[in-house]
Amino acid sequence: MACLGLAALMAIVLAWPSSRSRIGVSLSGDQLQSAWVDLGSSAGAPDVSSVPSLTLSIDLPRSVLKGREESLGLAVNVSSESTVPAIYSLAAEVISLDADVTPPGESGQALRPGTGFEWTIVATSAPETAATLLVRLRRHSLEGVTEAERLMLARDIALPVRTVAGLSAPVARLAAAILGLAGSLLGIASALSRSR
């Protein structure tokens, strides 16, 4: 019974979802008009007078379980008063030295209402894992050539890393399976010995 109880407890901890938090960042069009980097377009520095106001919403876990896939999301909302020029796009990436991030590298999308990004992060060490979220706004010519970009957000994220009795999620799953199997076999053996 003790083996089965421990196996069930470990299974509950492994299945229990991490609590979530949401961070909002509002950026007005006026804020986004400065700090553009010219990327060598022959047209020179772009006219950024029509940059829309944006709200970034970061959805992330308050803590993560070591070795288990956890989700991290970014939603981008455009101000209802702003029109979205087709010449803008967003690029986002999550960089971490002590966690595995999927997809790796930069992802890009056209800027439009409802633009969003999603990553899976797996902490590989405890007691904390760190990551950096980078979001860039890019302006393109009518021919689709990238003229300039602006770093909109560089956010450091520190996530406490939990374990299951000091075990990572994959090892805890194996331990729970072994305990469950051992408990079942001991229960069967006990039942057979009583019936004799």
C-alpha atoms as a PDB file:
ATOM      1  CA  MET A   1       0.000   0.000   0.000  1.00  0.00           C
ATOM      2  CA  ALA A   2       2.886   2.352   0.805  1.00  0.00           C
ATOM      3  CA  CYS A   3       4.407   1.810  -2.666  1.00  0.00           C
ATOM      4  CA  LEU A   4       1.074   2.444  -4.371  1.00  0.00           C
ATOM      5  CA  GLY A   5       0.493   5.545  -2.239  1.00  0.00           C
ATOM      6  CA  LEU A   6       3.908   6.992  -3.107  1.00  0.00           C
ATOM      7  CA  ALA A   7       3.391   6.197  -6.796  1.00  0.00           C
ATOM      8  CA  ALA A   8       0.010   7.946  -6.778  1.00  0.00           C
ATOM      9  CA  LEU A   9       1.453  10.968  -4.970  1.00  0.00           C
ATOM     10  CA  MET A  10       4.291  11.294  -7.468  1.00  0.00           C
ATOM     11  CA  ALA A  11       1.841  10.939 -10.365  1.00  0.00           C
ATOM     12  CA  ILE A  12      -0.324  13.748  -8.955  1.00  0.00           C
ATOM     13  CA  VAL A  13       2.685  16.060  -8.564  1.00  0.00           C
ATOM     14  CA  LEU A  14       3.807  15.282 -12.132  1.00  0.00           C
ATOM     15  CA  ALA A  15       0.343  15.909 -13.566  1.00  0.00           C
ATOM     16  CA  TRP A  16      -0.449  19.020 -11.526  1.00  0.00           C
ATOM     17  CA  PRO A  17      -0.136  22.082 -13.802  1.00  0.00           C
ATOM     18  CA  SER A  18       2.121  24.965 -12.855  1.00  0.00           C
ATOM     19  CA  SER A  19       0.357  28.145 -11.767  1.00  0.00           C
ATOM     20  CA  ARG A  20       0.496  30.916 -14.357  1.00  0.00           C
ATOM     21  CA  SER A  21       1.090  34.657 -14.361  1.00  0.00           C
ATOM     22  CA  ARG A  22       0.553  37.321 -17.007  1.00  0.00           C
ATOM     23  CA  ILE A  23       2.702  40.401 -17.634  1.00  0.00           C
ATOM     24  CA  GLY A  24       1.378  43.293 -19.713  1.00  0.00           C
ATOM     25  CA  VAL A  25       3.540  45.866 -21.500  1.00  0.00           C
ATOM     26  CA  SER A  26       1.943  48.817 -23.315  1.00  0.00           C
ATOM     27  CA  LEU A  27       3.910  50.671 -25.987  1.00  0.00           C
ATOM     28  CA  SER A  28       2.509  53.771 -27.652  1.00  0.00           C
ATOM     29  CA  GLY A  29       3.211  54.652 -31.252  1.00  0.00           C
ATOM     30  CA  ASP A  30       5.128  57.698 -30.008  1.00  0.00           C
ATOM     31  CA  GLN A  31       7.437  55.487 -27.958  1.00  0.00           C
ATOM     32  CA  LEU A  32       8.093  53.274 -30.965  1.00  0.00           C
ATOM     33  CA  GLN A  33       9.080  56.155 -33.266  1.00  0.00           C
ATOM     34  CA  SER A  34      12.617  56.322 -31.846  1.00  0.00           C
ATOM     35  CA  ALA A  35      15.576  53.932 -31.655  1.00  0.00           C
ATOM     36  CA  TRP A  36      15.234  52.446 -35.129  1.00  0.00           C
ATOM     37  CA  VAL A  37      18.318  50.803 -36.624  1.00  0.00           C
ATOM     38  CA  ASP A  38      18.829  51.257 -40.366  1.00  0.00           C
ATOM     39  CA  LEU A  39      19.588  47.885 -41.965  1.00  0.00           C
ATOM     40  CA  GLY A  40      21.321  49.302 -45.015  1.00  0.00           C
ATOM     41  CA  SER A  41      18.351  50.025 -47.247  1.00  0.00           C
ATOM     42  CA  SER A  42      19.120  52.504 -50.019  1.00  0.00           C
ATOM     43  CA  ALA A  43      15.999  54.383 -48.937  1.00  0.00           C
ATOM     44  CA  GLY A  44      17.745  55.418 -45.698  1.00  0.00           C
ATOM     45  CA  ALA A  45      16.057  55.617 -42.320  1.00  0.00           C
ATOM     46  CA  PRO A  46      12.366  54.727 -42.542  1.00  0.00           C
ATOM     47  CA  ASP A  47       9.465  57.039 -41.833  1.00  0.00           C
ATOM     48  CA  VAL A  48       7.970  55.632 -38.646  1.00  0.00           C
ATOM     49  CA  SER A  49       5.205  58.173 -38.139  1.00  0.00           C
ATOM     50  CA  SER A  50       2.489  55.546 -38.623  1.00  0.00           C
ATOM     51  CA  VAL A  51       3.714  52.999 -36.061  1.00  0.00           C
ATOM     52  CA  PRO A  52       0.642  51.616 -34.238  1.00  0.00           C
ATOM     53  CA  SER A  53       0.344  51.452 -30.451  1.00  0.00           C
ATOM     54  CA  LEU A  54       0.814  47.904 -29.162  1.00  0.00           C
ATOM     55  CA  THR A  55       0.182  45.902 -26.006  1.00  0.00           C
ATOM     56  CA  LEU A  56       2.345  42.865 -25.320  1.00  0.00           C
ATOM     57  CA  SER A  57       0.980  40.178 -23.009  1.00  0.00           C
ATOM     58  CA  ILE A  58       3.438  37.574 -21.707  1.00  0.00           C
ATOM     59  CA  ASP A  59       1.915  34.370 -20.302  1.00  0.00           C
ATOM     60  CA  LEU A  60       4.377  32.294 -18.286  1.00  0.00           C
ATOM     61  CA  PRO A  61       4.490  29.819 -15.395  1.00  0.00           C
ATOM     62  CA  ARG A  62       5.269  31.104 -11.887  1.00  0.00           C
ATOM     63  CA  SER A  63       7.567  28.094 -11.482  1.00  0.00           C
ATOM     64  CA  VAL A  64       8.501  25.067 -13.554  1.00  0.00           C
ATOM     65  CA  LEU A  65       9.031  21.381 -12.863  1.00  0.00           C
ATOM     66  CA  LYS A  66      12.543  20.249 -13.748  1.00  0.00           C
ATOM     67  CA  GLY A  67      12.555  18.178 -16.944  1.00  0.00           C
ATOM     68  CA  ARG A  68       8.869  18.813 -17.794  1.00  0.00           C
ATOM     69  CA  GLU A  69       7.683  20.802 -20.813  1.00  0.00           C
ATOM     70  CA  GLU A  70       6.175  24.138 -19.805  1.00  0.00           C
ATOM     71  CA  SER A  71       4.610  26.710 -22.139  1.00  0.00           C
ATOM     72  CA  LEU A  72       5.521  30.368 -22.522  1.00  0.00           C
ATOM     73  CA  GLY A  73       3.401  32.615 -24.715  1.00  0.00           C
ATOM     74  CA  LEU A  74       3.396  36.132 -26.144  1.00  0.00           C
ATOM     75  CA  ALA A  75       0.242  37.817 -27.465  1.00  0.00           C
ATOM     76  CA  VAL A  76       0.383  41.133 -29.318  1.00  0.00           C
ATOM     77  CA  ASN A  77      -2.674  43.385 -29.425  1.00  0.00           C
ATOM     78  CA  VAL A  78      -2.954  46.459 -31.618  1.00  0.00           C
ATOM     79  CA  SER A  79      -4.691  49.545 -30.239  1.00  0.00           C
ATOM     80  CA  SER A  80      -8.250  49.856 -31.568  1.00  0.00           C
ATOM     81  CA  GLU A  81      -7.465  53.429 -32.678  1.00  0.00           C
ATOM     82  CA  SER A  82      -4.458  52.285 -34.718  1.00  0.00           C
ATOM     83  CA  THR A  83      -4.423  51.066 -38.263  1.00  0.00           C
ATOM     84  CA  VAL A  84      -1.952  48.299 -39.015  1.00  0.00           C
ATOM     85  CA  PRO A  85       0.273  49.010 -42.007  1.00  0.00           C
ATOM     86  CA  ALA A  86       1.132  45.840 -43.922  1.00  0.00           C
ATOM     87  CA  ILE A  87       4.793  46.876 -43.983  1.00  0.00           C
ATOM     88  CA  TYR A  88       5.483  45.947 -40.350  1.00  0.00           C
ATOM     89  CA  SER A  89       6.390  42.551 -38.928  1.00  0.00           C
ATOM     90  CA  LEU A  90       7.325  41.192 -35.517  1.00  0.00           C
ATOM     91  CA  ALA A  91      10.177  38.866 -34.599  1.00  0.00           C
ATOM     92  CA  ALA A  92      10.459  37.175 -31.202  1.00  0.00           C
ATOM     93  CA  GLU A  93      12.777  34.674 -29.558  1.00  0.00           C
ATOM     94  CA  VAL A  94      13.495  33.184 -26.151  1.00  0.00           C
ATOM     95  CA  ILE A  95      17.154  32.679 -25.246  1.00  0.00           C
ATOM     96  CA  SER A  96      18.257  30.503 -22.328  1.00  0.00           C
ATOM     97  CA  LEU A  97      21.537  28.847 -21.379  1.00  0.00           C
ATOM     98  CA  ASP A  98      20.086  26.508 -18.747  1.00  0.00           C
ATOM     99  CA  ALA A  99      16.827  25.437 -20.415  1.00  0.00           C
ATOM    100  CA  ASP A 100      15.826  23.823 -23.702  1.00  0.00           C
ATOM    101  CA  VAL A 101      13.576  26.130 -25.741  1.00  0.00           C
ATOM    102  CA  THR A 102      11.406  25.027 -28.685  1.00  0.00           C
ATOM    103  CA  PRO A 103      11.283  26.415 -31.316  1.00  0.00           C
ATOM    104  CA  PRO A 104      14.880  27.626 -31.083  1.00  0.00           C
ATOM    105  CA  GLY A 105      15.949  30.904 -32.606  1.00  0.00           C
ATOM    106  CA  GLU A 106      13.827  33.719 -33.950  1.00  0.00           C
ATOM    107  CA  SER A 107      10.230  33.409 -35.158  1.00  0.00           C
ATOM    108  CA  GLY A 108       8.572  36.059 -37.304  1.00  0.00           C
ATOM    109  CA  GLN A 109       5.023  37.079 -38.176  1.00  0.00           C
ATOM    110  CA  ALA A 110       3.312  39.951 -39.955  1.00  0.00           C
ATOM    111  CA  LEU A 111       2.020  42.561 -37.509  1.00  0.00           C
ATOM    112  CA  ARG A 112      -1.748  42.252 -37.279  1.00  0.00           C
ATOM    113  CA  PRO A 113      -4.400  41.996 -34.552  1.00  0.00           C
ATOM    114  CA  GLY A 114      -4.063  38.682 -32.726  1.00  0.00           C
ATOM    115  CA  THR A 115      -0.391  38.085 -33.541  1.00  0.00           C
ATOM    116  CA  GLY A 116       1.055  35.590 -31.086  1.00  0.00           C
ATOM    117  CA  PHE A 117       4.055  33.392 -30.351  1.00  0.00           C
ATOM    118  CA  GLU A 118       4.368  30.232 -28.263  1.00  0.00           C
ATOM    119  CA  TRP A 119       7.385  28.365 -26.919  1.00  0.00           C
ATOM    120  CA  THR A 120       7.998  25.216 -24.928  1.00  0.00           C
ATOM    121  CA  ILE A 121      10.651  25.504 -22.234  1.00  0.00           C
ATOM    122  CA  VAL A 122      12.235  22.604 -20.339  1.00  0.00           C
ATOM    123  CA  ALA A 123      14.334  23.485 -17.288  1.00  0.00           C
ATOM    124  CA  THR A 124      17.471  21.358 -17.090  1.00  0.00           C
ATOM    125  CA  SER A 125      18.828  22.551 -13.746  1.00  0.00           C
ATOM    126  CA  ALA A 126      17.566  23.674 -10.352  1.00  0.00           C
ATOM    127  CA  PRO A 127      16.863  25.750  -8.292  1.00  0.00           C
ATOM    128  CA  GLU A 128      16.249  28.425 -10.951  1.00  0.00           C
ATOM    129  CA  THR A 129      16.309  28.812 -14.696  1.00  0.00           C
ATOM    130  CA  ALA A 130      16.765  32.104 -16.525  1.00  0.00           C
ATOM    131  CA  ALA A 131      15.670  33.170 -19.984  1.00  0.00           C
ATOM    132  CA  THR A 132      15.467  36.367 -22.016  1.00  0.00           C
ATOM    133  CA  LEU A 133      12.535  37.284 -24.248  1.00  0.00           C
ATOM    134  CA  LEU A 134      13.458  39.523 -27.195  1.00  0.00           C
ATOM    135  CA  VAL A 135      10.818  41.181 -29.389  1.00  0.00           C
ATOM    136  CA  ARG A 136      11.702  43.256 -32.456  1.00  0.00           C
ATOM    137  CA  LEU A 137       9.526  45.364 -34.741  1.00  0.00           C
ATOM    138  CA  ARG A 138      10.652  45.478 -38.372  1.00  0.00           C
ATOM    139  CA  ARG A 139       9.652  47.794 -41.205  1.00  0.00           C
ATOM    140  CA  HIS A 140       9.714  46.608 -44.806  1.00  0.00           C
ATOM    141  CA  SER A 141       9.647  48.335 -48.152  1.00  0.00           C
ATOM    142  CA  LEU A 142       6.728  47.795 -50.510  1.00  0.00           C
ATOM    143  CA  GLU A 143       8.935  45.201 -52.259  1.00  0.00           C
ATOM    144  CA  GLY A 144       9.304  43.272 -48.989  1.00  0.00           C
ATOM    145  CA  VAL A 145      12.905  44.276 -48.228  1.00  0.00           C
ATOM    146  CA  THR A 146      13.609  44.839 -44.524  1.00  0.00           C
ATOM    147  CA  GLU A 147      14.595  48.482 -44.124  1.00  0.00           C
ATOM    148  CA  ALA A 148      14.968  48.922 -40.382  1.00  0.00           C
ATOM    149  CA  GLU A 149      14.218  47.317 -37.039  1.00  0.00           C
ATOM    150  CA  ARG A 150      13.589  48.386 -33.477  1.00  0.00           C
ATOM    151  CA  LEU A 151      14.079  46.368 -30.292  1.00  0.00           C
ATOM    152  CA  MET A 152      10.681  46.643 -28.589  1.00  0.00           C
ATOM    153  CA  LEU A 153      11.295  44.461 -25.570  1.00  0.00           C
ATOM    154  CA  ALA A 154      14.185  42.697 -23.855  1.00  0.00           C
ATOM    155  CA  ARG A 155      12.721  40.988 -20.794  1.00  0.00           C
ATOM    156  CA  ASP A 156      14.693  38.786 -18.407  1.00  0.00           C
ATOM    157  CA  ILE A 157      12.646  35.944 -16.944  1.00  0.00           C
ATOM    158  CA  ALA A 158      13.678  34.024 -13.811  1.00  0.00           C
ATOM    159  CA  LEU A 159      11.693  30.862 -13.106  1.00  0.00           C
ATOM    160  CA  PRO A 160      12.015  28.873  -9.857  1.00  0.00           C
ATOM    161  CA  VAL A 161      12.562  25.184 -10.647  1.00  0.00           C
ATOM    162  CA  ARG A 162      10.736  22.544  -8.603  1.00  0.00           C
ATOM    163  CA  THR A 163      11.554  18.857  -8.339  1.00  0.00           C
ATOM    164  CA  VAL A 164       9.670  15.764  -7.200  1.00  0.00           C
ATOM    165  CA  ALA A 165      11.488  14.706  -4.020  1.00  0.00           C
ATOM    166  CA  GLY A 166      14.688  15.964  -5.629  1.00  0.00           C
ATOM    167  CA  LEU A 167      14.017  14.108  -8.896  1.00  0.00           C
ATOM    168  CA  SER A 168      13.472  15.591 -12.342  1.00  0.00           C
ATOM    169  CA  ALA A 169      10.165  14.849 -14.072  1.00  0.00           C
ATOM    170  CA  PRO A 170      11.481  12.019 -16.325  1.00  0.00           C
ATOM    171  CA  VAL A 171      13.191  10.252 -13.394  1.00  0.00           C
ATOM    172  CA  ALA A 172      10.135  10.791 -11.166  1.00  0.00           C
ATOM    173  CA  ARG A 173       7.900   9.217 -13.837  1.00  0.00           C
ATOM    174  CA  LEU A 174      10.179   6.167 -13.922  1.00  0.00           C
ATOM    175  CA  ALA A 175      10.249   5.985 -10.119  1.00  0.00           C
ATOM    176  CA  ALA A 176       6.442   6.243  -9.948  1.00  0.00           C
ATOM    177  CA  ALA A 177       6.088   3.426 -12.506  1.00  0.00           C
ATOM    178  CA  ILE A 178       8.517   1.194 -10.575  1.00  0.00           C
ATOM    179  CA  LEU A 179       6.768   1.915  -7.254  1.00  0.00           C
ATOM    180  CA  GLY A 180       3.371   1.261  -8.808  1.00  0.00           C
ATOM    181  CA  LEU A 181       4.534  -2.018 -10.352  1.00  0.00           C
ATOM    182  CA  ALA A 182       6.227  -3.099  -7.125  1.00  0.00           C
ATOM    183  CA  GLY A 183       3.127  -2.230  -5.098  1.00  0.00           C
ATOM    184  CA  SER A 184       0.869  -4.147  -7.481  1.00  0.00           C
ATOM    185  CA  LEU A 185       3.114  -7.232  -7.429  1.00  0.00           C
ATOM    186  CA  LEU A 186       3.341  -7.140  -3.633  1.00  0.00           C
ATOM    187  CA  GLY A 187      -0.442  -6.776  -3.404  1.00  0.00           C
ATOM    188  CA  ILE A 188      -0.986  -9.756  -5.707  1.00  0.00           C
ATOM    189  CA  ALA A 189       1.558 -11.853  -3.788  1.00  0.00           C
ATOM    190  CA  SER A 190      -0.123 -10.915  -0.491  1.00  0.00           C
ATOM    191  CA  ALA A 191      -3.567 -11.821  -1.822  1.00  0.00           C
ATOM    192  CA  LEU A 192      -2.315 -15.181  -3.133  1.00  0.00           C
ATOM    193  CA  SER A 193      -0.614 -16.028   0.165  1.00  0.00           C
ATOM    194  CA  ARG A 194      -3.854 -15.339   2.098  1.00  0.00           C
ATOM    195  CA  SER A 195      -5.939 -17.492  -0.206  1.00  0.00           C
ATOM    196  CA  ARG A 196      -3.806 -20.551   0.491  1.00  0.00           C
END
